[in-house]
Amino acid sequence: MYALLGDKGGTSRLHSGALPSVRLPLVEDVPGLGAVLSGQNVLTWAALAATPAVAWLLYRARFGFHLRAVGEHPEAARSVGIHVHRVQFRALALSGAPAGAAGVFLSMGAVSFFVTGMTAGRGYIALAAVFLGALRPWGVFLAALGFGTAEALAVQLGNLAVPSQLVSAIPYVFTLLALAFFAWRRRRTSPTAAVPAAPSGLPTLETP
């Protein structure tokens, strides 16, 4: 960027295109609903469509079965003939593509230029959404909506007489609270199972 533009902070001096928004002619006239649904970026709709697609891929497709097997226990997957490294590289490519699309949305959807640090910790928030959603596509979708709501609230409060430091902290405070709730829920729903005593004269089995 510095070699081409002489600027280390951003590409505002470079004329850059932007991805189009999708207008819904019938929906945009509906009070309230039209302002939410119509005019969204094309990548926003692609992200919404990706949720059922990922759910189908993970739980209905053969590749998803192999992927979950490799993720849970690669040695067991290898023992039944699954090519572990091939599945891992495909998973890396498939996960990198929407991550790259998220970067494209920041620089060609929300705005039409790149600025250093524009991600603003959103990658960590995305990881929090994954864990809060219990590693399931629809759960992650709902968690992402919650984080998006918190960020939208911060934007709205920025127009009021609210300290900017408090406004900027809202998405991250929500992230910490969500992770704390996830840890509490996991502790309650996954109690340690008691191991029954072995009969006299037989060796005991120790759980890891």
C-alpha atoms as a PDB file:
ATOM      1  CA  MET A   1       0.000   0.000   0.000  1.00  0.00           C
ATOM      2  CA  TYR A   2       2.846   2.377   0.818  1.00  0.00           C
ATOM      3  CA  ALA A   3       4.671   1.453  -2.416  1.00  0.00           C
ATOM      4  CA  LEU A   4       1.617   2.212  -4.528  1.00  0.00           C
ATOM      5  CA  LEU A   5       0.010   5.138  -2.705  1.00  0.00           C
ATOM      6  CA  GLY A   6       2.668   6.473  -0.355  1.00  0.00           C
ATOM      7  CA  ASP A   7       0.224   5.984   2.521  1.00  0.00           C
ATOM      8  CA  LYS A   8       0.554   3.479   5.363  1.00  0.00           C
ATOM      9  CA  GLY A   9      -2.798   4.162   6.975  1.00  0.00           C
ATOM     10  CA  GLY A  10      -5.373   3.442   4.282  1.00  0.00           C
ATOM     11  CA  THR A  11      -6.434   3.481   0.645  1.00  0.00           C
ATOM     12  CA  SER A  12      -8.766   6.482   0.744  1.00  0.00           C
ATOM     13  CA  ARG A  13      -6.723   8.088  -2.051  1.00  0.00           C
ATOM     14  CA  LEU A  14      -7.395   5.101  -4.307  1.00  0.00           C
ATOM     15  CA  HIS A  15     -10.635   5.006  -6.257  1.00  0.00           C
ATOM     16  CA  SER A  16     -12.207   1.711  -5.263  1.00  0.00           C
ATOM     17  CA  GLY A  17     -15.455   0.061  -6.191  1.00  0.00           C
ATOM     18  CA  ALA A  18     -18.105  -1.137  -3.753  1.00  0.00           C
ATOM     19  CA  LEU A  19     -20.282  -4.203  -3.737  1.00  0.00           C
ATOM     20  CA  PRO A  20     -23.928  -3.519  -4.615  1.00  0.00           C
ATOM     21  CA  SER A  21     -26.831  -3.455  -2.213  1.00  0.00           C
ATOM     22  CA  VAL A  22     -30.009  -5.421  -2.810  1.00  0.00           C
ATOM     23  CA  ARG A  23     -33.261  -3.495  -2.772  1.00  0.00           C
ATOM     24  CA  LEU A  24     -36.541  -5.354  -2.278  1.00  0.00           C
ATOM     25  CA  PRO A  25     -39.283  -3.360  -4.068  1.00  0.00           C
ATOM     26  CA  LEU A  26     -42.251  -4.822  -2.190  1.00  0.00           C
ATOM     27  CA  VAL A  27     -40.591  -5.120   1.190  1.00  0.00           C
ATOM     28  CA  GLU A  28     -38.988  -1.672   1.341  1.00  0.00           C
ATOM     29  CA  ASP A  29     -42.414  -0.003   1.563  1.00  0.00           C
ATOM     30  CA  VAL A  30     -43.347  -1.945   4.711  1.00  0.00           C
ATOM     31  CA  PRO A  31     -42.826   0.307   7.782  1.00  0.00           C
ATOM     32  CA  GLY A  32     -40.011  -0.925  10.001  1.00  0.00           C
ATOM     33  CA  LEU A  33     -39.377  -4.136   8.095  1.00  0.00           C
ATOM     34  CA  GLY A  34     -38.352  -2.389   4.885  1.00  0.00           C
ATOM     35  CA  ALA A  35     -35.639  -0.373   6.631  1.00  0.00           C
ATOM     36  CA  VAL A  36     -34.148  -3.586   8.032  1.00  0.00           C
ATOM     37  CA  LEU A  37     -34.307  -5.927   5.041  1.00  0.00           C
ATOM     38  CA  SER A  38     -34.167  -3.739   1.949  1.00  0.00           C
ATOM     39  CA  GLY A  39     -30.893  -2.108   0.979  1.00  0.00           C
ATOM     40  CA  GLN A  40     -28.651  -4.696   2.612  1.00  0.00           C
ATOM     41  CA  ASN A  41     -25.337  -5.504   0.971  1.00  0.00           C
ATOM     42  CA  VAL A  42     -25.182  -8.544  -1.281  1.00  0.00           C
ATOM     43  CA  LEU A  43     -22.673 -10.162   1.089  1.00  0.00           C
ATOM     44  CA  THR A  44     -25.143  -9.803   3.953  1.00  0.00           C
ATOM     45  CA  TRP A  45     -27.612 -11.967   2.052  1.00  0.00           C
ATOM     46  CA  ALA A  46     -24.801 -14.355   1.156  1.00  0.00           C
ATOM     47  CA  ALA A  47     -23.984 -14.707   4.861  1.00  0.00           C
ATOM     48  CA  LEU A  48     -27.639 -15.441   5.651  1.00  0.00           C
ATOM     49  CA  ALA A  49     -27.757 -18.074   2.907  1.00  0.00           C
ATOM     50  CA  ALA A  50     -24.500 -19.600   4.163  1.00  0.00           C
ATOM     51  CA  THR A  51     -26.064 -20.671   7.465  1.00  0.00           C
ATOM     52  CA  PRO A  52     -28.387 -23.383   6.075  1.00  0.00           C
ATOM     53  CA  ALA A  53     -25.726 -24.315   3.512  1.00  0.00           C
ATOM     54  CA  VAL A  54     -23.128 -24.941   6.232  1.00  0.00           C
ATOM     55  CA  ALA A  55     -25.688 -26.822   8.342  1.00  0.00           C
ATOM     56  CA  TRP A  56     -26.455 -29.097   5.397  1.00  0.00           C
ATOM     57  CA  LEU A  57     -22.779 -29.573   4.620  1.00  0.00           C
ATOM     58  CA  LEU A  58     -21.899 -30.565   8.180  1.00  0.00           C
ATOM     59  CA  TYR A  59     -24.839 -32.844   8.982  1.00  0.00           C
ATOM     60  CA  ARG A  60     -26.141 -34.119   5.645  1.00  0.00           C
ATOM     61  CA  ALA A  61     -23.192 -34.345   3.267  1.00  0.00           C
ATOM     62  CA  ARG A  62     -20.552 -37.067   3.288  1.00  0.00           C
ATOM     63  CA  PHE A  63     -17.790 -34.487   3.512  1.00  0.00           C
ATOM     64  CA  GLY A  64     -19.363 -33.066   6.658  1.00  0.00           C
ATOM     65  CA  PHE A  65     -19.390 -36.492   8.271  1.00  0.00           C
ATOM     66  CA  HIS A  66     -15.701 -36.916   7.433  1.00  0.00           C
ATOM     67  CA  LEU A  67     -14.939 -33.400   8.649  1.00  0.00           C
ATOM     68  CA  ARG A  68     -16.580 -33.953  12.034  1.00  0.00           C
ATOM     69  CA  ALA A  69     -14.865 -37.322  12.379  1.00  0.00           C
ATOM     70  CA  VAL A  70     -11.461 -35.804  11.642  1.00  0.00           C
ATOM     71  CA  GLY A  71     -12.127 -32.952  14.049  1.00  0.00           C
ATOM     72  CA  GLU A  72     -13.174 -35.250  16.874  1.00  0.00           C
ATOM     73  CA  HIS A  73     -10.609 -38.024  16.487  1.00  0.00           C
ATOM     74  CA  PRO A  74      -8.269 -37.952  13.467  1.00  0.00           C
ATOM     75  CA  GLU A  75      -6.649 -41.301  14.283  1.00  0.00           C
ATOM     76  CA  ALA A  76     -10.017 -43.059  14.387  1.00  0.00           C
ATOM     77  CA  ALA A  77     -10.966 -41.392  11.091  1.00  0.00           C
ATOM     78  CA  ARG A  78      -7.690 -42.501   9.522  1.00  0.00           C
ATOM     79  CA  SER A  79      -8.282 -46.082  10.677  1.00  0.00           C
ATOM     80  CA  VAL A  80     -11.486 -46.317   8.603  1.00  0.00           C
ATOM     81  CA  GLY A  81      -9.858 -44.971   5.441  1.00  0.00           C
ATOM     82  CA  ILE A  82     -10.537 -41.233   5.643  1.00  0.00           C
ATOM     83  CA  HIS A  83      -7.717 -39.125   4.186  1.00  0.00           C
ATOM     84  CA  VAL A  84      -7.205 -36.859   7.203  1.00  0.00           C
ATOM     85  CA  HIS A  85      -4.857 -34.281   5.670  1.00  0.00           C
ATOM     86  CA  ARG A  86      -7.005 -33.907   2.558  1.00  0.00           C
ATOM     87  CA  VAL A  87     -10.086 -33.220   4.691  1.00  0.00           C
ATOM     88  CA  GLN A  88      -8.145 -30.745   6.821  1.00  0.00           C
ATOM     89  CA  PHE A  89      -6.869 -28.791   3.810  1.00  0.00           C
ATOM     90  CA  ARG A  90     -10.364 -28.667   2.290  1.00  0.00           C
ATOM     91  CA  ALA A  91     -11.774 -27.451   5.586  1.00  0.00           C
ATOM     92  CA  LEU A  92      -9.076 -24.778   5.756  1.00  0.00           C
ATOM     93  CA  ALA A  93      -9.951 -23.565   2.256  1.00  0.00           C
ATOM     94  CA  LEU A  94     -13.696 -23.627   2.918  1.00  0.00           C
ATOM     95  CA  SER A  95     -13.323 -21.686   6.155  1.00  0.00           C
ATOM     96  CA  GLY A  96     -10.878 -19.208   4.634  1.00  0.00           C
ATOM     97  CA  ALA A  97     -13.265 -18.276   1.828  1.00  0.00           C
ATOM     98  CA  PRO A  98     -16.032 -16.769   4.023  1.00  0.00           C
ATOM     99  CA  ALA A  99     -13.386 -15.201   6.270  1.00  0.00           C
ATOM    100  CA  GLY A 100     -11.977 -13.477   3.194  1.00  0.00           C
ATOM    101  CA  ALA A 101     -15.500 -12.447   2.189  1.00  0.00           C
ATOM    102  CA  ALA A 102     -15.882 -10.815   5.605  1.00  0.00           C
ATOM    103  CA  GLY A 103     -12.773  -8.747   4.889  1.00  0.00           C
ATOM    104  CA  VAL A 104     -14.181  -7.820   1.483  1.00  0.00           C
ATOM    105  CA  PHE A 105     -17.386  -6.657   3.161  1.00  0.00           C
ATOM    106  CA  LEU A 106     -15.468  -4.371   5.519  1.00  0.00           C
ATOM    107  CA  SER A 107     -13.479  -2.721   2.722  1.00  0.00           C
ATOM    108  CA  MET A 108     -16.005  -2.860  -0.161  1.00  0.00           C
ATOM    109  CA  GLY A 109     -19.376  -3.144   1.586  1.00  0.00           C
ATOM    110  CA  ALA A 110     -19.503  -1.077   4.756  1.00  0.00           C
ATOM    111  CA  VAL A 111     -17.092   1.454   3.195  1.00  0.00           C
ATOM    112  CA  SER A 112     -15.205   1.645  -0.112  1.00  0.00           C
ATOM    113  CA  PHE A 113     -11.635   1.793   1.179  1.00  0.00           C
ATOM    114  CA  PHE A 114      -9.226  -0.013   3.483  1.00  0.00           C
ATOM    115  CA  VAL A 115      -8.000   1.449   6.769  1.00  0.00           C
ATOM    116  CA  THR A 116      -5.423  -0.112   9.060  1.00  0.00           C
ATOM    117  CA  GLY A 117      -7.107  -1.725  12.057  1.00  0.00           C
ATOM    118  CA  MET A 118     -10.590  -1.581  10.569  1.00  0.00           C
ATOM    119  CA  THR A 119     -11.372  -5.110  11.801  1.00  0.00           C
ATOM    120  CA  ALA A 120     -11.361  -3.670  15.372  1.00  0.00           C
ATOM    121  CA  GLY A 121     -11.270  -7.063  17.082  1.00  0.00           C
ATOM    122  CA  ARG A 122     -14.180  -8.529  15.117  1.00  0.00           C
ATOM    123  CA  GLY A 123     -12.242 -11.763  14.613  1.00  0.00           C
ATOM    124  CA  TYR A 124     -12.250 -12.386  18.363  1.00  0.00           C
ATOM    125  CA  ILE A 125     -15.954 -11.569  18.493  1.00  0.00           C
ATOM    126  CA  ALA A 126     -16.516 -14.123  15.732  1.00  0.00           C
ATOM    127  CA  LEU A 127     -14.698 -16.760  17.797  1.00  0.00           C
ATOM    128  CA  ALA A 128     -16.890 -15.873  20.765  1.00  0.00           C
ATOM    129  CA  ALA A 129     -19.981 -16.329  18.586  1.00  0.00           C
ATOM    130  CA  VAL A 130     -18.775 -19.792  17.577  1.00  0.00           C
ATOM    131  CA  PHE A 131     -18.407 -20.931  21.175  1.00  0.00           C
ATOM    132  CA  LEU A 132     -21.581 -19.230  22.357  1.00  0.00           C
ATOM    133  CA  GLY A 133     -23.467 -20.985  19.544  1.00  0.00           C
ATOM    134  CA  ALA A 134     -22.261 -24.372  20.867  1.00  0.00           C
ATOM    135  CA  LEU A 135     -20.300 -24.986  17.638  1.00  0.00           C
ATOM    136  CA  ARG A 136     -23.518 -25.451  15.644  1.00  0.00           C
ATOM    137  CA  PRO A 137     -24.416 -23.352  12.571  1.00  0.00           C
ATOM    138  CA  TRP A 138     -27.827 -22.107  13.732  1.00  0.00           C
ATOM    139  CA  GLY A 139     -26.531 -21.445  17.232  1.00  0.00           C
ATOM    140  CA  VAL A 140     -23.644 -19.433  15.803  1.00  0.00           C
ATOM    141  CA  PHE A 141     -26.122 -17.568  13.604  1.00  0.00           C
ATOM    142  CA  LEU A 142     -28.190 -16.512  16.612  1.00  0.00           C
ATOM    143  CA  ALA A 143     -25.070 -15.573  18.568  1.00  0.00           C
ATOM    144  CA  ALA A 144     -23.844 -13.453  15.653  1.00  0.00           C
ATOM    145  CA  LEU A 145     -27.202 -11.670  15.569  1.00  0.00           C
ATOM    146  CA  GLY A 146     -26.787 -10.904  19.260  1.00  0.00           C
ATOM    147  CA  PHE A 147     -23.319  -9.464  18.739  1.00  0.00           C
ATOM    148  CA  GLY A 148     -24.573  -7.486  15.742  1.00  0.00           C
ATOM    149  CA  THR A 149     -27.379  -6.064  17.870  1.00  0.00           C
ATOM    150  CA  ALA A 150     -24.852  -4.965  20.487  1.00  0.00           C
ATOM    151  CA  GLU A 151     -22.748  -3.221  17.845  1.00  0.00           C
ATOM    152  CA  ALA A 152     -25.818  -1.545  16.346  1.00  0.00           C
ATOM    153  CA  LEU A 153     -26.777  -0.349  19.821  1.00  0.00           C
ATOM    154  CA  ALA A 154     -23.314   1.156  20.208  1.00  0.00           C
ATOM    155  CA  VAL A 155     -23.738   3.017  16.907  1.00  0.00           C
ATOM    156  CA  GLN A 156     -27.120   4.402  17.954  1.00  0.00           C
ATOM    157  CA  LEU A 157     -25.849   5.482  21.363  1.00  0.00           C
ATOM    158  CA  GLY A 158     -22.980   7.260  19.619  1.00  0.00           C
ATOM    159  CA  ASN A 159     -25.513   9.781  18.333  1.00  0.00           C
ATOM    160  CA  LEU A 160     -26.597  10.605  21.881  1.00  0.00           C
ATOM    161  CA  ALA A 161     -24.829  12.336  24.726  1.00  0.00           C
ATOM    162  CA  VAL A 162     -23.135   9.132  25.896  1.00  0.00           C
ATOM    163  CA  PRO A 163     -19.368   8.957  26.578  1.00  0.00           C
ATOM    164  CA  SER A 164     -17.585   7.519  23.547  1.00  0.00           C
ATOM    165  CA  GLN A 165     -15.519   5.139  25.704  1.00  0.00           C
ATOM    166  CA  LEU A 166     -18.701   3.520  27.033  1.00  0.00           C
ATOM    167  CA  VAL A 167     -20.158   3.229  23.556  1.00  0.00           C
ATOM    168  CA  SER A 168     -17.016   1.616  22.155  1.00  0.00           C
ATOM    169  CA  ALA A 169     -16.911  -0.912  24.997  1.00  0.00           C
ATOM    170  CA  ILE A 170     -20.474  -2.228  24.501  1.00  0.00           C
ATOM    171  CA  PRO A 171     -19.693  -4.977  21.906  1.00  0.00           C
ATOM    172  CA  TYR A 172     -16.710  -6.235  23.922  1.00  0.00           C
ATOM    173  CA  VAL A 173     -18.562  -6.202  27.240  1.00  0.00           C
ATOM    174  CA  PHE A 174     -21.335  -8.160  25.555  1.00  0.00           C
ATOM    175  CA  THR A 175     -18.708 -10.621  24.290  1.00  0.00           C
ATOM    176  CA  LEU A 176     -17.285 -11.179  27.774  1.00  0.00           C
ATOM    177  CA  LEU A 177     -20.748 -11.651  29.263  1.00  0.00           C
ATOM    178  CA  ALA A 178     -21.674 -14.085  26.502  1.00  0.00           C
ATOM    179  CA  LEU A 179     -18.521 -16.163  27.066  1.00  0.00           C
ATOM    180  CA  ALA A 180     -19.154 -16.209  30.805  1.00  0.00           C
ATOM    181  CA  PHE A 181     -22.709 -17.406  30.158  1.00  0.00           C
ATOM    182  CA  PHE A 182     -21.405 -20.100  27.800  1.00  0.00           C
ATOM    183  CA  ALA A 183     -18.941 -21.368  30.417  1.00  0.00           C
ATOM    184  CA  TRP A 184     -21.668 -21.393  33.086  1.00  0.00           C
ATOM    185  CA  ARG A 185     -24.114 -23.241  30.837  1.00  0.00           C
ATOM    186  CA  ARG A 186     -21.518 -25.788  29.793  1.00  0.00           C
ATOM    187  CA  ARG A 187     -20.611 -26.472  33.420  1.00  0.00           C
ATOM    188  CA  ARG A 188     -24.252 -27.067  34.312  1.00  0.00           C
ATOM    189  CA  THR A 189     -25.123 -29.253  31.309  1.00  0.00           C
ATOM    190  CA  SER A 190     -21.957 -31.387  31.400  1.00  0.00           C
ATOM    191  CA  PRO A 191     -21.608 -32.754  34.928  1.00  0.00           C
ATOM    192  CA  THR A 192     -18.836 -35.223  35.610  1.00  0.00           C
ATOM    193  CA  ALA A 193     -20.248 -38.718  35.285  1.00  0.00           C
ATOM    194  CA  ALA A 194     -19.620 -41.017  38.193  1.00  0.00           C
ATOM    195  CA  VAL A 195     -17.669 -44.177  37.394  1.00  0.00           C
ATOM    196  CA  PRO A 196     -19.276 -47.303  38.904  1.00  0.00           C
ATOM    197  CA  ALA A 197     -17.114 -49.373  41.195  1.00  0.00           C
ATOM    198  CA  ALA A 198     -15.566 -52.475  39.647  1.00  0.00           C
ATOM    199  CA  PRO A 199     -16.397 -55.903  41.078  1.00  0.00           C
ATOM    200  CA  SER A 200     -13.960 -57.342  43.563  1.00  0.00           C
ATOM    201  CA  GLY A 201     -10.914 -58.868  41.964  1.00  0.00           C
ATOM    202  CA  LEU A 202     -11.185 -56.974  38.643  1.00  0.00           C
ATOM    203  CA  PRO A 203      -8.964 -54.045  37.630  1.00  0.00           C
ATOM    204  CA  THR A 204     -10.520 -50.598  37.707  1.00  0.00           C
ATOM    205  CA  LEU A 205     -10.849 -48.368  34.677  1.00  0.00           C
ATOM    206  CA  GLU A 206      -9.700 -44.804  35.132  1.00  0.00           C
ATOM    207  CA  THR A 207     -11.234 -42.049  33.085  1.00  0.00           C
ATOM    208  CA  PRO A 208      -8.877 -39.432  31.640  1.00  0.00           C
END
